Protein backbone atom coordinates (compact mmCIF):
# COMPACT_ATOMS: atom_id res chain seq x y z
CA MET A 1 102.57 -56.79 -75.59
CA GLY A 2 104.81 -59.71 -74.65
CA SER A 3 106.72 -62.17 -76.76
CA TRP A 4 106.28 -65.91 -77.18
CA ARG A 5 108.61 -68.20 -75.23
CA ALA A 6 109.00 -71.96 -75.30
CA VAL A 7 108.24 -73.64 -71.98
CA LEU A 8 109.37 -77.18 -71.19
CA LEU A 9 106.88 -79.19 -69.13
CA THR A 10 107.26 -81.96 -66.59
CA THR A 11 103.74 -83.34 -67.23
CA ARG A 12 101.63 -83.93 -70.33
CA GLU A 13 100.16 -80.91 -72.11
CA GLU A 14 96.59 -82.07 -71.43
CA LYS A 15 97.13 -81.61 -67.69
CA ALA A 16 99.58 -78.70 -67.72
CA ILE A 17 97.74 -76.24 -70.00
CA PRO A 18 94.50 -76.08 -67.93
CA LEU A 19 96.58 -75.71 -64.74
CA ILE A 20 98.61 -72.84 -66.21
CA GLU A 21 95.49 -71.09 -67.55
CA LYS A 22 93.69 -71.51 -64.21
CA THR A 23 96.68 -70.13 -62.29
CA PHE A 24 96.77 -66.91 -64.33
CA GLU A 25 92.99 -66.55 -64.75
CA GLY A 26 91.81 -63.18 -63.50
CA THR A 27 95.32 -61.77 -63.06
CA GLU A 28 96.70 -58.66 -64.70
CA PHE A 29 99.18 -60.70 -66.75
CA GLY A 30 96.79 -62.11 -69.37
CA ILE A 31 98.27 -65.37 -70.59
CA GLU A 32 97.98 -67.09 -73.99
CA VAL A 33 99.09 -70.72 -74.28
CA TYR A 34 99.59 -72.59 -77.55
CA SER A 35 100.65 -76.19 -78.15
CA PRO A 36 101.50 -76.78 -81.84
CA THR A 37 99.97 -80.01 -83.19
CA TYR A 38 99.37 -81.71 -86.52
CA GLU A 39 97.16 -84.56 -87.67
CA GLU A 40 98.69 -87.66 -89.14
CA THR A 41 96.90 -90.59 -90.73
CA VAL A 42 98.48 -93.89 -89.75
CA PHE A 43 97.56 -97.54 -90.21
CA HIS A 44 96.53 -98.89 -86.80
CA GLN A 45 97.35 -102.60 -86.50
CA GLY A 46 94.82 -103.19 -83.71
CA PHE A 47 91.89 -101.68 -85.62
CA LYS A 48 93.16 -102.91 -89.01
CA ARG A 49 92.39 -99.54 -90.60
CA TYR A 50 93.71 -96.04 -90.99
CA VAL A 51 93.08 -93.65 -88.11
CA LYS A 52 93.84 -89.96 -87.63
CA MET A 53 96.25 -89.29 -84.81
CA LYS A 54 96.87 -85.88 -83.29
CA ARG A 55 100.61 -85.43 -82.79
CA ARG A 56 102.57 -82.71 -81.03
CA VAL A 57 105.21 -80.82 -83.00
CA HIS A 58 107.42 -80.70 -79.90
CA PRO A 59 106.19 -83.07 -77.17
CA TRP A 60 106.34 -81.74 -73.61
CA THR A 61 106.81 -78.19 -74.93
CA ILE A 62 104.29 -75.35 -75.21
CA LEU A 63 104.47 -71.72 -76.29
CA VAL A 64 103.43 -69.07 -73.77
CA LYS A 65 102.82 -65.35 -74.19
CA PHE A 66 101.85 -62.81 -71.54
CA GLU A 67 99.94 -59.67 -72.54
CA ASN A 68 101.53 -57.73 -69.70
CA GLU A 69 104.93 -59.38 -69.55
CA SER A 70 107.02 -59.03 -66.42
CA ASP A 71 109.65 -60.97 -64.52
CA ILE A 72 107.04 -61.69 -61.85
CA ALA A 73 104.78 -63.43 -64.38
CA TRP A 74 107.58 -65.65 -65.67
CA PHE A 75 108.72 -66.38 -62.12
CA ARG A 76 105.17 -67.46 -61.13
CA LEU A 77 104.98 -69.65 -64.24
CA GLU A 78 108.30 -71.36 -63.53
CA GLN A 79 107.26 -72.05 -59.92
CA LEU A 80 104.41 -74.32 -61.08
CA ALA A 81 105.08 -78.04 -60.59
CA CYS A 82 104.20 -78.81 -64.22
CA VAL A 83 106.86 -76.44 -65.63
CA ALA A 84 110.51 -77.48 -65.87
CA TYR A 85 111.82 -74.17 -67.24
CA SER A 86 111.23 -71.53 -69.89
CA ILE A 87 113.66 -70.86 -72.70
CA THR A 88 114.57 -67.18 -72.71
CA GLU A 89 117.56 -67.18 -75.06
CA LYS A 90 115.58 -67.49 -78.28
CA LEU A 91 112.15 -65.92 -78.39
CA VAL A 92 109.51 -67.07 -80.87
CA THR A 93 108.08 -64.32 -83.08
CA ASP A 94 104.39 -63.76 -83.78
CA ASP A 95 105.02 -64.61 -87.45
CA GLU A 96 106.44 -68.01 -86.52
CA VAL A 97 103.44 -68.79 -84.29
CA ALA A 98 101.05 -67.67 -87.05
CA ARG A 99 102.87 -69.97 -89.48
CA LEU A 100 102.53 -72.89 -87.03
CA LYS A 101 98.81 -72.20 -86.57
CA LYS A 102 98.30 -72.01 -90.34
CA ALA A 103 100.12 -75.32 -90.85
CA GLU A 104 97.93 -76.86 -88.15
CA GLU A 105 94.78 -75.70 -89.95
CA VAL A 106 96.03 -77.11 -93.26
CA SER A 107 96.69 -80.51 -91.65
CA LYS A 108 93.12 -80.58 -90.30
CA GLU A 109 91.61 -80.27 -93.77
CA LYS A 110 90.10 -83.47 -95.03
CA GLU A 111 92.26 -85.63 -97.22
CA SER A 112 90.77 -87.05 -100.39
CA ILE A 113 91.86 -90.51 -101.38
CA GLN A 114 91.96 -91.55 -105.00
CA VAL A 115 90.80 -95.12 -105.59
CA ASP A 116 90.63 -96.77 -108.98
CA PHE A 117 87.44 -98.72 -108.22
CA SER A 118 83.88 -97.84 -107.22
CA SER A 119 80.78 -99.56 -105.88
CA GLY A 120 79.88 -102.61 -107.94
CA ASP A 121 83.43 -103.28 -109.20
CA HIS A 122 85.15 -106.64 -108.83
CA VAL A 123 88.22 -106.42 -106.55
CA ARG A 124 90.77 -108.74 -105.00
CA VAL A 125 92.25 -108.46 -101.50
CA ILE A 126 96.04 -108.44 -101.90
CA GLU A 127 97.22 -108.30 -98.26
CA GLY A 128 96.08 -109.24 -94.78
CA THR A 129 94.24 -112.29 -93.51
CA MET A 130 91.80 -112.20 -96.42
CA ALA A 131 94.51 -112.05 -99.11
CA GLY A 132 93.40 -113.74 -102.32
CA VAL A 133 89.67 -113.29 -101.66
CA ASP A 134 87.66 -111.84 -104.56
CA GLY A 135 84.52 -109.78 -104.08
CA ILE A 136 82.29 -106.95 -105.21
CA VAL A 137 82.62 -103.51 -103.64
CA SER A 138 79.44 -102.47 -101.85
CA THR A 139 80.56 -99.30 -100.00
CA ILE A 140 83.66 -97.11 -99.86
CA ASP A 141 84.42 -94.88 -96.88
CA THR A 142 87.28 -92.55 -97.83
CA HIS A 143 87.22 -90.87 -94.41
CA LYS A 144 88.05 -94.13 -92.59
CA LYS A 145 89.95 -95.45 -95.64
CA ILE A 146 88.03 -98.72 -95.69
CA ALA A 147 85.74 -100.49 -98.15
CA THR A 148 83.09 -103.14 -97.61
CA ILE A 149 83.14 -105.93 -100.15
CA GLN A 150 80.72 -108.80 -100.65
CA ALA A 151 82.78 -112.00 -100.85
CA GLN A 152 81.76 -115.62 -101.02
CA LEU A 153 83.12 -117.43 -97.97
CA PHE A 154 82.08 -120.94 -96.95
CA GLY A 155 79.38 -120.97 -99.62
CA ARG A 156 77.71 -117.77 -98.39
CA ILE A 157 78.04 -114.13 -99.42
CA THR A 158 79.63 -112.28 -96.51
CA PRO A 159 80.37 -108.56 -96.10
CA ILE A 160 84.04 -107.88 -95.26
CA GLU A 161 85.60 -104.57 -94.23
CA VAL A 162 89.02 -104.12 -95.83
CA THR A 163 91.45 -101.18 -95.97
CA LEU A 164 91.55 -99.39 -99.31
CA SER A 165 95.29 -99.96 -99.67
CA SER A 166 94.82 -103.74 -99.57
CA LEU A 167 92.42 -103.86 -102.55
CA GLU A 168 93.13 -104.00 -106.25
CA LYS A 169 90.70 -103.81 -109.15
CA MET A 170 90.37 -106.99 -111.22
């Protein structure tokens, strides 16, 4: 059984990982490739709401393990155009990779957002283009972190989608 090594790439992981797996498919080496990621919720200015972004722990770096490790396998890997080099000085243990995978699973769990208002409550928009507008909450979507409020604009009741962080209960 081989050990995990960090491999620095010259291309993005989305292109490099399938190429590496295809190159060693059906060979006696048996390769396992892992790219540590985590999910982060950020406020996207273009969409005006919170979105989940998948981020790499170490961009342009993957972890590789051969079942039947040999110098030939590592040489073949380093000859691929998408691989800059592999780091052989410090090997990554199986425990460290298991810890990374566990942390990745934890970050994928759904977040629950605590809001101090519910459907039917009177709220005020405190930031954004609709700042100062009062309305009644009609729906709350904690997954997208937005709420729809019914506000009176130009003499008509209009539904408005607003981020949860920009609302306060009246």
